[in-house]
Amino acid sequence: MKISVQEAGFDLGQESQDFAAGHRDMGAIVTFTGIVRDLPDDPLQAMEIEHYPGMTESALTEMAETAMARFSLGDALVIHRFGRLLPGEMIMMVATAARHRKDAFEAAEFLMDYLKSRAPFWKREITAKGADWVASKAEDEDALARW
């Protein structure tokens, strides 16, 4: 299991290849990459992401350990960036490895829902009109509630 909270970008292809290497006993590997998206009505200039070092890694590790046990995973990877990111940049990556695809897909969704709703990150969107903190959305809470 690998958890990384980092300011630097990451190489999606290399991370995926490194994660897949050596998992000969796993029948499924699922990856998901989140990207900073532009806003429809007011173009996004940047997104700033803050976190508390130590606390964030601990929370993400606990969440990944829960996924490992709940979905019988052979391995899990979570990368989440912080700092100033521009539209189109990769913000996070989740990868799961399991003997069967259902567990790999469900675990990846579980991890993504947790990251979106409960991981201790604070996001601020910066546009020409100013900066606003990103509030929790009802649909994100609904997605998390199914677990």
N, C-alpha and C. Protein backbone atom coordinates (compact mmCIF):
# COMPACT_ATOMS: atom_id res chain seq x y z
N MET A 1 0.85 -1.17 0.00
CA MET A 1 0.00 0.00 0.00
C MET A 1 0.90 1.24 0.00
N LYS A 2 0.52 2.20 -0.83
CA LYS A 2 1.29 3.45 -0.91
C LYS A 2 0.33 4.63 -0.80
N ILE A 3 0.64 5.55 0.10
CA ILE A 3 -0.10 6.79 0.27
C ILE A 3 0.88 7.93 0.07
N SER A 4 0.54 8.86 -0.80
CA SER A 4 1.43 10.00 -1.03
C SER A 4 0.61 11.28 -1.11
N VAL A 5 0.95 12.23 -0.25
CA VAL A 5 0.38 13.58 -0.30
C VAL A 5 1.54 14.46 -0.71
N GLN A 6 1.42 15.06 -1.89
CA GLN A 6 2.58 15.72 -2.48
C GLN A 6 2.19 16.98 -3.23
N GLU A 7 3.13 17.90 -3.29
CA GLU A 7 2.92 19.13 -4.06
C GLU A 7 3.25 18.91 -5.53
N ALA A 8 4.25 18.09 -5.79
CA ALA A 8 4.71 17.85 -7.16
C ALA A 8 3.70 17.03 -7.96
N GLY A 9 3.73 17.22 -9.27
CA GLY A 9 2.91 16.41 -10.16
C GLY A 9 3.41 14.97 -10.16
N PHE A 10 2.68 14.11 -10.84
CA PHE A 10 3.09 12.72 -10.93
C PHE A 10 2.88 12.23 -12.35
N ASP A 11 3.61 11.19 -12.70
CA ASP A 11 3.54 10.59 -14.03
C ASP A 11 2.52 9.45 -13.96
N LEU A 12 1.35 9.66 -14.53
CA LEU A 12 0.27 8.68 -14.47
C LEU A 12 0.69 7.34 -15.03
N GLY A 13 1.34 7.35 -16.18
CA GLY A 13 1.77 6.10 -16.80
C GLY A 13 2.76 5.35 -15.93
N GLN A 14 3.73 6.05 -15.39
CA GLN A 14 4.74 5.40 -14.56
C GLN A 14 4.14 4.88 -13.26
N GLU A 15 3.28 5.68 -12.64
CA GLU A 15 2.63 5.24 -11.40
C GLU A 15 1.78 3.99 -11.66
N SER A 16 1.05 3.98 -12.76
CA SER A 16 0.22 2.82 -13.10
C SER A 16 1.07 1.59 -13.36
N GLN A 17 2.14 1.77 -14.10
CA GLN A 17 3.04 0.66 -14.42
C GLN A 17 3.71 0.12 -13.16
N ASP A 18 4.18 1.02 -12.30
CA ASP A 18 4.83 0.60 -11.06
C ASP A 18 3.85 -0.15 -10.16
N PHE A 19 2.61 0.34 -10.10
CA PHE A 19 1.60 -0.30 -9.26
C PHE A 19 1.28 -1.70 -9.77
N ALA A 20 1.16 -1.85 -11.07
CA ALA A 20 0.79 -3.14 -11.66
C ALA A 20 1.90 -4.18 -11.56
N ALA A 21 3.15 -3.73 -11.51
CA ALA A 21 4.28 -4.66 -11.50
C ALA A 21 4.24 -5.56 -10.28
N GLY A 22 4.41 -6.83 -10.52
CA GLY A 22 4.52 -7.78 -9.42
C GLY A 22 3.21 -8.30 -8.86
N HIS A 23 2.11 -7.93 -9.43
CA HIS A 23 0.81 -8.39 -8.94
C HIS A 23 0.30 -9.56 -9.78
N ARG A 24 1.09 -10.58 -9.88
CA ARG A 24 0.73 -11.74 -10.71
C ARG A 24 -0.44 -12.54 -10.15
N ASP A 25 -0.71 -12.39 -8.85
CA ASP A 25 -1.82 -13.12 -8.24
C ASP A 25 -3.12 -12.31 -8.24
N MET A 26 -3.08 -11.12 -8.81
CA MET A 26 -4.26 -10.26 -8.88
C MET A 26 -4.86 -10.36 -10.29
N GLY A 27 -6.18 -10.47 -10.37
CA GLY A 27 -6.84 -10.56 -11.67
C GLY A 27 -7.35 -9.23 -12.18
N ALA A 28 -7.31 -8.18 -11.32
CA ALA A 28 -7.86 -6.89 -11.73
C ALA A 28 -7.08 -5.75 -11.10
N ILE A 29 -6.81 -4.74 -11.91
CA ILE A 29 -6.24 -3.49 -11.42
C ILE A 29 -7.10 -2.37 -12.00
N VAL A 30 -7.56 -1.52 -11.10
CA VAL A 30 -8.39 -0.38 -11.50
C VAL A 30 -7.65 0.89 -11.12
N THR A 31 -7.62 1.86 -12.04
CA THR A 31 -7.03 3.16 -11.74
C THR A 31 -8.03 4.26 -12.06
N PHE A 32 -7.93 5.32 -11.30
CA PHE A 32 -8.74 6.52 -11.54
C PHE A 32 -7.85 7.72 -11.29
N THR A 33 -7.97 8.71 -12.16
CA THR A 33 -7.22 9.94 -12.00
C THR A 33 -8.18 11.12 -12.02
N GLY A 34 -8.12 11.94 -10.99
CA GLY A 34 -8.92 13.16 -10.93
C GLY A 34 -8.15 14.32 -11.51
N ILE A 35 -8.85 15.18 -12.23
CA ILE A 35 -8.24 16.31 -12.91
C ILE A 35 -8.95 17.59 -12.47
N VAL A 36 -8.20 18.66 -12.28
CA VAL A 36 -8.80 19.95 -11.95
C VAL A 36 -9.60 20.40 -13.16
N ARG A 37 -10.89 20.60 -12.96
CA ARG A 37 -11.74 21.01 -14.08
C ARG A 37 -12.08 22.49 -14.00
N ASP A 38 -12.31 23.05 -15.16
CA ASP A 38 -12.69 24.46 -15.27
C ASP A 38 -14.12 24.62 -14.79
N LEU A 39 -14.50 25.83 -14.49
CA LEU A 39 -15.87 26.13 -14.06
C LEU A 39 -16.68 26.60 -15.26
N PRO A 40 -17.96 26.26 -15.30
CA PRO A 40 -18.76 26.58 -16.49
C PRO A 40 -19.05 28.07 -16.68
N ASP A 41 -19.27 28.82 -15.60
CA ASP A 41 -19.70 30.21 -15.73
C ASP A 41 -18.61 31.25 -15.51
N ASP A 42 -17.55 30.86 -14.81
CA ASP A 42 -16.48 31.79 -14.48
C ASP A 42 -15.16 31.01 -14.55
N PRO A 43 -14.39 31.18 -15.63
CA PRO A 43 -13.20 30.36 -15.82
C PRO A 43 -12.31 30.29 -14.58
N LEU A 44 -11.90 29.08 -14.26
CA LEU A 44 -11.03 28.84 -13.12
C LEU A 44 -9.60 29.25 -13.47
N GLN A 45 -9.01 30.10 -12.66
CA GLN A 45 -7.61 30.46 -12.85
C GLN A 45 -6.70 29.46 -12.16
N ALA A 46 -7.13 29.00 -10.98
CA ALA A 46 -6.34 28.02 -10.23
C ALA A 46 -7.19 27.46 -9.09
N MET A 47 -6.75 26.31 -8.59
CA MET A 47 -7.32 25.75 -7.38
C MET A 47 -6.18 25.63 -6.37
N GLU A 48 -6.42 26.10 -5.17
CA GLU A 48 -5.44 25.96 -4.11
C GLU A 48 -5.94 24.93 -3.11
N ILE A 49 -5.08 23.97 -2.78
CA ILE A 49 -5.45 22.89 -1.88
C ILE A 49 -4.53 22.94 -0.67
N GLU A 50 -5.15 22.97 0.51
CA GLU A 50 -4.41 22.99 1.76
C GLU A 50 -4.68 21.71 2.54
N HIS A 51 -3.76 21.37 3.43
CA HIS A 51 -3.93 20.21 4.30
C HIS A 51 -3.00 20.35 5.49
N TYR A 52 -3.21 19.50 6.50
CA TYR A 52 -2.32 19.46 7.66
C TYR A 52 -1.42 18.24 7.53
N PRO A 53 -0.13 18.45 7.27
CA PRO A 53 0.78 17.31 7.14
C PRO A 53 0.73 16.43 8.39
N GLY A 54 0.84 15.17 8.17
CA GLY A 54 0.75 14.21 9.26
C GLY A 54 -0.68 13.76 9.47
N MET A 55 -1.57 14.69 9.74
CA MET A 55 -2.97 14.35 9.92
C MET A 55 -3.56 13.80 8.62
N THR A 56 -3.25 14.43 7.53
CA THR A 56 -3.80 14.00 6.24
C THR A 56 -3.30 12.60 5.87
N GLU A 57 -2.01 12.37 5.97
CA GLU A 57 -1.46 11.05 5.64
C GLU A 57 -2.05 9.97 6.53
N SER A 58 -2.22 10.28 7.80
CA SER A 58 -2.79 9.31 8.74
C SER A 58 -4.22 8.97 8.36
N ALA A 59 -5.01 9.98 8.03
CA ALA A 59 -6.41 9.75 7.64
C ALA A 59 -6.50 8.93 6.35
N LEU A 60 -5.65 9.25 5.37
CA LEU A 60 -5.67 8.52 4.11
C LEU A 60 -5.20 7.07 4.30
N THR A 61 -4.22 6.88 5.16
CA THR A 61 -3.75 5.52 5.45
C THR A 61 -4.86 4.69 6.09
N GLU A 62 -5.55 5.27 7.06
CA GLU A 62 -6.66 4.56 7.72
C GLU A 62 -7.75 4.20 6.72
N MET A 63 -8.08 5.13 5.83
CA MET A 63 -9.11 4.89 4.83
C MET A 63 -8.67 3.79 3.86
N ALA A 64 -7.42 3.80 3.45
CA ALA A 64 -6.92 2.77 2.53
C ALA A 64 -6.87 1.41 3.21
N GLU A 65 -6.49 1.37 4.48
CA GLU A 65 -6.50 0.10 5.23
C GLU A 65 -7.91 -0.46 5.33
N THR A 66 -8.89 0.40 5.53
CA THR A 66 -10.29 -0.04 5.56
C THR A 66 -10.68 -0.65 4.23
N ALA A 67 -10.30 0.00 3.13
CA ALA A 67 -10.61 -0.52 1.79
C ALA A 67 -9.91 -1.85 1.55
N MET A 68 -8.66 -1.96 1.99
CA MET A 68 -7.91 -3.21 1.80
C MET A 68 -8.65 -4.38 2.44
N ALA A 69 -9.13 -4.19 3.66
CA ALA A 69 -9.82 -5.26 4.38
C ALA A 69 -11.22 -5.49 3.83
N ARG A 70 -11.94 -4.43 3.61
CA ARG A 70 -13.35 -4.55 3.20
C ARG A 70 -13.51 -5.20 1.83
N PHE A 71 -12.59 -4.92 0.92
CA PHE A 71 -12.72 -5.40 -0.46
C PHE A 71 -11.68 -6.46 -0.82
N SER A 72 -11.02 -7.01 0.17
CA SER A 72 -10.02 -8.07 -0.06
C SER A 72 -8.99 -7.67 -1.11
N LEU A 73 -8.47 -6.46 -0.96
CA LEU A 73 -7.48 -5.97 -1.92
C LEU A 73 -6.11 -6.60 -1.68
N GLY A 74 -5.37 -6.75 -2.75
CA GLY A 74 -3.98 -7.15 -2.66
C GLY A 74 -3.08 -5.94 -2.51
N ASP A 75 -3.55 -4.77 -2.97
CA ASP A 75 -2.75 -3.55 -2.89
C ASP A 75 -3.64 -2.35 -3.17
N ALA A 76 -3.18 -1.18 -2.71
CA ALA A 76 -3.89 0.07 -2.97
C ALA A 76 -2.87 1.20 -3.06
N LEU A 77 -3.21 2.19 -3.85
CA LEU A 77 -2.38 3.38 -4.04
C LEU A 77 -3.29 4.60 -3.99
N VAL A 78 -2.86 5.60 -3.24
CA VAL A 78 -3.56 6.89 -3.21
C VAL A 78 -2.50 7.98 -3.32
N ILE A 79 -2.63 8.81 -4.34
CA ILE A 79 -1.79 10.00 -4.49
C ILE A 79 -2.73 11.19 -4.51
N HIS A 80 -2.44 12.19 -3.69
CA HIS A 80 -3.26 13.42 -3.71
C HIS A 80 -2.31 14.61 -3.61
N ARG A 81 -2.51 15.56 -4.49
CA ARG A 81 -1.66 16.75 -4.52
C ARG A 81 -2.23 17.86 -3.66
N PHE A 82 -1.36 18.79 -3.30
CA PHE A 82 -1.77 20.01 -2.62
C PHE A 82 -0.99 21.17 -3.24
N GLY A 83 -1.35 22.37 -2.86
CA GLY A 83 -0.71 23.56 -3.43
C GLY A 83 -1.59 24.17 -4.51
N ARG A 84 -0.97 24.91 -5.40
CA ARG A 84 -1.69 25.61 -6.47
C ARG A 84 -1.69 24.74 -7.73
N LEU A 85 -2.89 24.41 -8.21
CA LEU A 85 -3.04 23.59 -9.41
C LEU A 85 -3.86 24.35 -10.44
N LEU A 86 -3.56 24.11 -11.70
CA LEU A 86 -4.25 24.77 -12.81
C LEU A 86 -5.26 23.83 -13.45
N PRO A 87 -6.27 24.37 -14.12
CA PRO A 87 -7.22 23.51 -14.83
C PRO A 87 -6.48 22.57 -15.78
N GLY A 88 -6.90 21.31 -15.75
CA GLY A 88 -6.28 20.29 -16.59
C GLY A 88 -5.19 19.51 -15.90
N GLU A 89 -4.70 19.99 -14.77
CA GLU A 89 -3.66 19.25 -14.05
C GLU A 89 -4.26 18.10 -13.25
N MET A 90 -3.48 17.04 -13.09
CA MET A 90 -3.93 15.91 -12.28
C MET A 90 -3.86 16.30 -10.80
N ILE A 91 -4.94 16.01 -10.10
CA ILE A 91 -5.04 16.35 -8.68
C ILE A 91 -4.87 15.13 -7.79
N MET A 92 -5.31 13.96 -8.29
CA MET A 92 -5.21 12.75 -7.48
C MET A 92 -5.27 11.51 -8.34
N MET A 93 -4.84 10.39 -7.73
CA MET A 93 -4.90 9.09 -8.39
C MET A 93 -5.20 8.04 -7.33
N VAL A 94 -6.07 7.11 -7.71
CA VAL A 94 -6.37 5.94 -6.89
C VAL A 94 -6.13 4.72 -7.76
N ALA A 95 -5.50 3.71 -7.20
CA ALA A 95 -5.34 2.43 -7.89
C ALA A 95 -5.62 1.32 -6.89
N THR A 96 -6.30 0.29 -7.35
CA THR A 96 -6.61 -0.86 -6.51
C THR A 96 -6.28 -2.13 -7.27
N ALA A 97 -5.83 -3.14 -6.53
CA ALA A 97 -5.54 -4.45 -7.12
C ALA A 97 -6.28 -5.50 -6.30
N ALA A 98 -7.01 -6.36 -6.99
CA ALA A 98 -7.77 -7.42 -6.32
C ALA A 98 -7.79 -8.65 -7.20
N ARG A 99 -8.14 -9.77 -6.61
CA ARG A 99 -8.22 -11.01 -7.38
C ARG A 99 -9.34 -10.93 -8.42
N HIS A 100 -10.42 -10.16 -8.09
CA HIS A 100 -11.57 -10.08 -8.98
C HIS A 100 -11.93 -8.61 -9.24
N ARG A 101 -12.45 -8.35 -10.45
CA ARG A 101 -12.70 -6.96 -10.87
C ARG A 101 -13.73 -6.24 -10.00
N LYS A 102 -14.75 -6.96 -9.53
CA LYS A 102 -15.79 -6.30 -8.73
C LYS A 102 -15.18 -5.65 -7.49
N ASP A 103 -14.32 -6.38 -6.79
CA ASP A 103 -13.67 -5.82 -5.60
C ASP A 103 -12.78 -4.65 -5.97
N ALA A 104 -12.04 -4.75 -7.07
CA ALA A 104 -11.14 -3.66 -7.47
C ALA A 104 -11.93 -2.40 -7.82
N PHE A 105 -13.02 -2.56 -8.58
CA PHE A 105 -13.85 -1.39 -8.94
C PHE A 105 -14.51 -0.79 -7.71
N GLU A 106 -15.13 -1.61 -6.88
CA GLU A 106 -15.83 -1.09 -5.70
C GLU A 106 -14.87 -0.41 -4.74
N ALA A 107 -13.70 -0.99 -4.55
CA ALA A 107 -12.72 -0.37 -3.66
C ALA A 107 -12.26 0.99 -4.21
N ALA A 108 -12.05 1.07 -5.51
CA ALA A 108 -11.65 2.35 -6.11
C ALA A 108 -12.74 3.39 -5.91
N GLU A 109 -13.99 3.01 -6.11
CA GLU A 109 -15.10 3.95 -5.90
C GLU A 109 -15.19 4.38 -4.44
N PHE A 110 -15.04 3.42 -3.54
CA PHE A 110 -15.05 3.71 -2.10
C PHE A 110 -13.97 4.74 -1.76
N LEU A 111 -12.77 4.51 -2.25
CA LEU A 111 -11.66 5.43 -1.97
C LEU A 111 -11.91 6.80 -2.58
N MET A 112 -12.42 6.85 -3.79
CA MET A 112 -12.69 8.13 -4.44
C MET A 112 -13.78 8.91 -3.70
N ASP A 113 -14.85 8.19 -3.28
CA ASP A 113 -15.91 8.86 -2.53
C ASP A 113 -15.39 9.42 -1.21
N TYR A 114 -14.53 8.65 -0.54
CA TYR A 114 -13.94 9.14 0.70
C TYR A 114 -13.08 10.38 0.43
N LEU A 115 -12.24 10.33 -0.57
CA LEU A 115 -11.36 11.45 -0.88
C LEU A 115 -12.16 12.71 -1.18
N LYS A 116 -13.26 12.55 -1.88
CA LYS A 116 -14.08 13.70 -2.27
C LYS A 116 -14.80 14.32 -1.07
N SER A 117 -15.22 13.49 -0.11
CA SER A 117 -16.09 13.98 0.95
C SER A 117 -15.46 14.08 2.33
N ARG A 118 -14.49 13.24 2.65
CA ARG A 118 -14.01 13.17 4.03
C ARG A 118 -12.52 13.40 4.22
N ALA A 119 -11.75 13.27 3.18
CA ALA A 119 -10.31 13.47 3.35
C ALA A 119 -10.04 14.91 3.79
N PRO A 120 -9.11 15.10 4.71
CA PRO A 120 -8.87 16.44 5.26
C PRO A 120 -8.05 17.34 4.33
N PHE A 121 -8.71 17.75 3.25
CA PHE A 121 -8.15 18.74 2.32
C PHE A 121 -9.13 19.90 2.26
N TRP A 122 -8.61 21.11 2.08
CA TRP A 122 -9.45 22.28 1.91
C TRP A 122 -9.09 22.89 0.57
N LYS A 123 -10.12 23.10 -0.27
CA LYS A 123 -9.90 23.55 -1.64
C LYS A 123 -10.53 24.92 -1.84
N ARG A 124 -9.77 25.77 -2.52
CA ARG A 124 -10.27 27.11 -2.83
C ARG A 124 -10.14 27.33 -4.33
N GLU A 125 -11.24 27.73 -4.95
CA GLU A 125 -11.25 28.02 -6.39
C GLU A 125 -11.01 29.52 -6.59
N ILE A 126 -10.09 29.83 -7.48
CA ILE A 126 -9.74 31.21 -7.76
C ILE A 126 -10.16 31.54 -9.19
N THR A 127 -10.99 32.58 -9.32
CA THR A 127 -11.46 33.04 -10.62
C THR A 127 -11.21 34.55 -10.71
N ALA A 128 -11.57 35.13 -11.83
CA ALA A 128 -11.43 36.58 -11.99
C ALA A 128 -12.30 37.34 -11.00
N LYS A 129 -13.38 36.70 -10.53
CA LYS A 129 -14.30 37.33 -9.57
C LYS A 129 -13.82 37.23 -8.13
N GLY A 130 -12.80 36.41 -7.88
CA GLY A 130 -12.30 36.26 -6.51
C GLY A 130 -12.02 34.81 -6.18
N ALA A 131 -11.95 34.52 -4.89
CA ALA A 131 -11.65 33.16 -4.42
C ALA A 131 -12.74 32.69 -3.48
N ASP A 132 -13.16 31.43 -3.67
CA ASP A 132 -14.18 30.83 -2.81
C ASP A 132 -13.75 29.44 -2.39
N TRP A 133 -14.00 29.12 -1.11
CA TRP A 133 -13.76 27.77 -0.63
C TRP A 133 -14.80 26.84 -1.22
N VAL A 134 -14.39 25.64 -1.57
CA VAL A 134 -15.29 24.65 -2.15
C VAL A 134 -16.08 23.99 -1.03
N ALA A 135 -17.39 24.07 -1.12
CA ALA A 135 -18.27 23.48 -0.10
C ALA A 135 -18.61 22.04 -0.47
N SER A 136 -18.96 21.28 0.53
CA SER A 136 -19.40 19.90 0.32
C SER A 136 -20.70 19.92 -0.48
N LYS A 137 -20.85 18.96 -1.38
CA LYS A 137 -22.05 18.88 -2.21
C LYS A 137 -22.91 17.69 -1.78
N ALA A 138 -24.21 17.85 -1.89
CA ALA A 138 -25.14 16.80 -1.47
C ALA A 138 -24.89 15.50 -2.23
N GLU A 139 -24.59 15.59 -3.51
CA GLU A 139 -24.38 14.35 -4.28
C GLU A 139 -23.11 13.61 -3.84
N ASP A 140 -22.11 14.36 -3.35
CA ASP A 140 -20.90 13.71 -2.83
C ASP A 140 -21.22 12.99 -1.51
N GLU A 141 -22.03 13.62 -0.67
CA GLU A 141 -22.44 12.99 0.58
C GLU A 141 -23.30 11.75 0.30
N ASP A 142 -24.18 11.84 -0.69
CA ASP A 142 -25.00 10.69 -1.06
C ASP A 142 -24.14 9.54 -1.55
N ALA A 143 -23.12 9.84 -2.33
CA ALA A 143 -22.24 8.79 -2.85
C ALA A 143 -21.51 8.09 -1.70
N LEU A 144 -21.08 8.85 -0.72
CA LEU A 144 -20.37 8.28 0.42
C LEU A 144 -21.31 7.46 1.29
N ALA A 145 -22.56 7.90 1.40
CA ALA A 145 -23.54 7.22 2.27
C ALA A 145 -23.83 5.79 1.83
N ARG A 146 -23.62 5.47 0.56
CA ARG A 146 -23.92 4.11 0.10
C ARG A 146 -22.95 3.09 0.66
N TRP A 147 -21.82 3.53 1.18
CA TRP A 147 -20.83 2.61 1.74
C TRP A 147 -21.09 2.40 3.22
